């Protein structure tokens, strides 16, 4: 454990940020699975799930939890999946 006050504060901040980062990353993974499952059910349901997924990806990129280019790449790949459905 750190003895310096600023290091103690940095440790607290680091733990808090770690929890926040895990929340967003796990939510993205969970919603991606839900989206891929909804692809089989129909295009309309998948579009609704995609909208929610885009939102959470954008929020994560805005808070710099994931890089903005990674967010764009993920969104692009998800859109490609939905465009394959006829």
C-alpha atoms as a PDB file:
ATOM      1  CA  UNK A   1       0.000   0.000   0.000  1.00  0.00           C
ATOM      2  CA  UNK A   2       1.249   3.452  -0.903  1.00  0.00           C
ATOM      3  CA  UNK A   3       2.282   5.873   1.828  1.00  0.00           C
ATOM      4  CA  UNK A   4       2.003   9.089  -0.152  1.00  0.00           C
ATOM      5  CA  UNK A   5      -1.406  10.789  -0.141  1.00  0.00           C
ATOM      6  CA  UNK A   6      -1.469  11.402  -3.887  1.00  0.00           C
ATOM      7  CA  UNK A   7      -0.595   7.760  -4.560  1.00  0.00           C
ATOM      8  CA  UNK A   8      -3.372   6.608  -2.250  1.00  0.00           C
ATOM      9  CA  UNK A   9      -5.814   8.812  -4.165  1.00  0.00           C
ATOM     10  CA  UNK A  10      -4.485   7.521  -7.501  1.00  0.00           C
ATOM     11  CA  UNK A  11      -5.031   3.956  -6.303  1.00  0.00           C
ATOM     12  CA  UNK A  12      -8.649   4.768  -5.396  1.00  0.00           C
ATOM     13  CA  UNK A  13      -9.189   6.406  -8.789  1.00  0.00           C
ATOM     14  CA  UNK A  14      -7.607   3.479 -10.567  1.00  0.00           C
ATOM     15  CA  UNK A  15      -9.922   0.982  -8.860  1.00  0.00           C
ATOM     16  CA  UNK A  16     -12.979   3.114  -9.636  1.00  0.00           C
ATOM     17  CA  UNK A  17     -11.991   3.507 -13.293  1.00  0.00           C
ATOM     18  CA  UNK A  18     -11.268  -0.209 -13.566  1.00  0.00           C
ATOM     19  CA  UNK A  19     -14.799  -1.022 -12.398  1.00  0.00           C
ATOM     20  CA  UNK A  20     -16.274   1.486 -14.849  1.00  0.00           C
ATOM     21  CA  UNK A  21     -14.201   0.113 -17.734  1.00  0.00           C
ATOM     22  CA  UNK A  22     -15.200  -3.471 -16.965  1.00  0.00           C
ATOM     23  CA  UNK A  23     -18.870  -2.465 -16.824  1.00  0.00           C
ATOM     24  CA  UNK A  24     -18.784  -0.980 -20.329  1.00  0.00           C
ATOM     25  CA  UNK A  25     -16.658  -3.745 -21.862  1.00  0.00           C
ATOM     26  CA  UNK A  26     -18.852  -6.491 -20.419  1.00  0.00           C
ATOM     27  CA  UNK A  27     -21.999  -4.678 -21.507  1.00  0.00           C
ATOM     28  CA  UNK A  28     -20.672  -4.407 -25.067  1.00  0.00           C
ATOM     29  CA  UNK A  29     -19.905  -8.141 -25.115  1.00  0.00           C
ATOM     30  CA  UNK A  30     -23.300  -9.025 -23.663  1.00  0.00           C
ATOM     31  CA  UNK A  31     -25.227  -6.817 -26.092  1.00  0.00           C
ATOM     32  CA  UNK A  32     -23.189  -8.150 -29.022  1.00  0.00           C
ATOM     33  CA  UNK A  33     -24.251 -11.687 -28.137  1.00  0.00           C
ATOM     34  CA  UNK A  34     -27.880 -10.584 -27.831  1.00  0.00           C
ATOM     35  CA  UNK A  35     -27.630  -8.831 -31.208  1.00  0.00           C
ATOM     36  CA  UNK A  36     -26.153 -11.891 -32.922  1.00  0.00           C
ATOM     37  CA  UNK A  37     -28.885 -14.077 -31.452  1.00  0.00           C
ATOM     38  CA  UNK A  38     -31.553 -11.658 -32.680  1.00  0.00           C
ATOM     39  CA  UNK A  39     -30.205 -11.865 -36.246  1.00  0.00           C
ATOM     40  CA  UNK A  40     -31.820 -15.279 -36.579  1.00  0.00           C
ATOM     41  CA  UNK A  41     -35.183 -13.939 -35.396  1.00  0.00           C
ATOM     42  CA  UNK A  42     -35.482 -11.189 -37.971  1.00  0.00           C
ATOM     43  CA  UNK A  43     -34.074  -7.992 -39.356  1.00  0.00           C
ATOM     44  CA  UNK A  44     -36.421  -5.620 -37.507  1.00  0.00           C
ATOM     45  CA  UNK A  45     -35.590  -7.016 -34.064  1.00  0.00           C
ATOM     46  CA  UNK A  46     -31.893  -6.996 -34.923  1.00  0.00           C
ATOM     47  CA  UNK A  47     -32.091  -3.301 -35.891  1.00  0.00           C
ATOM     48  CA  UNK A  48     -33.507  -2.447 -32.466  1.00  0.00           C
ATOM     49  CA  UNK A  49     -30.712  -4.335 -30.731  1.00  0.00           C
ATOM     50  CA  UNK A  50     -28.159  -2.696 -33.016  1.00  0.00           C
ATOM     51  CA  UNK A  51     -29.355   0.767 -32.017  1.00  0.00           C
ATOM     52  CA  UNK A  52     -28.787  -0.009 -28.318  1.00  0.00           C
ATOM     53  CA  UNK A  53     -25.409  -1.546 -29.091  1.00  0.00           C
ATOM     54  CA  UNK A  54     -24.309   1.505 -31.104  1.00  0.00           C
ATOM     55  CA  UNK A  55     -25.253   3.711 -28.187  1.00  0.00           C
ATOM     56  CA  UNK A  56     -23.171   1.825 -25.632  1.00  0.00           C
ATOM     57  CA  UNK A  57     -20.189   1.579 -28.015  1.00  0.00           C
ATOM     58  CA  UNK A  58     -20.310   5.334 -28.621  1.00  0.00           C
ATOM     59  CA  UNK A  59     -20.485   6.050 -24.895  1.00  0.00           C
ATOM     60  CA  UNK A  60     -17.469   3.817 -24.256  1.00  0.00           C
ATOM     61  CA  UNK A  61     -15.502   5.567 -27.005  1.00  0.00           C
ATOM     62  CA  UNK A  62     -16.518   8.979 -25.677  1.00  0.00           C
ATOM     63  CA  UNK A  63     -15.241   8.088 -22.200  1.00  0.00           C
ATOM     64  CA  UNK A  64     -12.042   6.700 -23.783  1.00  0.00           C
ATOM     65  CA  UNK A  65     -12.690   3.192 -22.501  1.00  0.00           C
ATOM     66  CA  UNK A  66     -12.178   1.915 -26.024  1.00  0.00           C
ATOM     67  CA  UNK A  67     -10.392   3.721 -28.826  1.00  0.00           C
ATOM     68  CA  UNK A  68     -12.590   5.629 -31.275  1.00  0.00           C
ATOM     69  CA  UNK A  69     -11.227   3.622 -34.219  1.00  0.00           C
ATOM     70  CA  UNK A  70     -12.056   0.372 -32.441  1.00  0.00           C
ATOM     71  CA  UNK A  71     -15.583   1.651 -31.873  1.00  0.00           C
ATOM     72  CA  UNK A  72     -15.909   2.519 -35.557  1.00  0.00           C
ATOM     73  CA  UNK A  73     -14.568  -0.889 -36.576  1.00  0.00           C
ATOM     74  CA  UNK A  74     -16.984  -2.721 -34.275  1.00  0.00           C
ATOM     75  CA  UNK A  75     -19.949  -0.699 -35.538  1.00  0.00           C
ATOM     76  CA  UNK A  76     -18.930  -1.313 -39.136  1.00  0.00           C
ATOM     77  CA  UNK A  77     -18.686  -5.066 -38.634  1.00  0.00           C
ATOM     78  CA  UNK A  78     -22.049  -5.191 -36.887  1.00  0.00           C
ATOM     79  CA  UNK A  79     -23.649  -3.224 -39.730  1.00  0.00           C
ATOM     80  CA  UNK A  80     -22.125  -5.658 -42.216  1.00  0.00           C
ATOM     81  CA  UNK A  81     -23.735  -8.540 -40.351  1.00  0.00           C
ATOM     82  CA  UNK A  82     -27.174  -6.972 -40.490  1.00  0.00           C
ATOM     83  CA  UNK A  83     -26.759  -6.125 -44.194  1.00  0.00           C
ATOM     84  CA  UNK A  84     -26.127  -9.797 -45.015  1.00  0.00           C
ATOM     85  CA  UNK A  85     -29.660 -10.644 -43.913  1.00  0.00           C
ATOM     86  CA  UNK A  86     -32.214 -10.558 -46.713  1.00  0.00           C
END
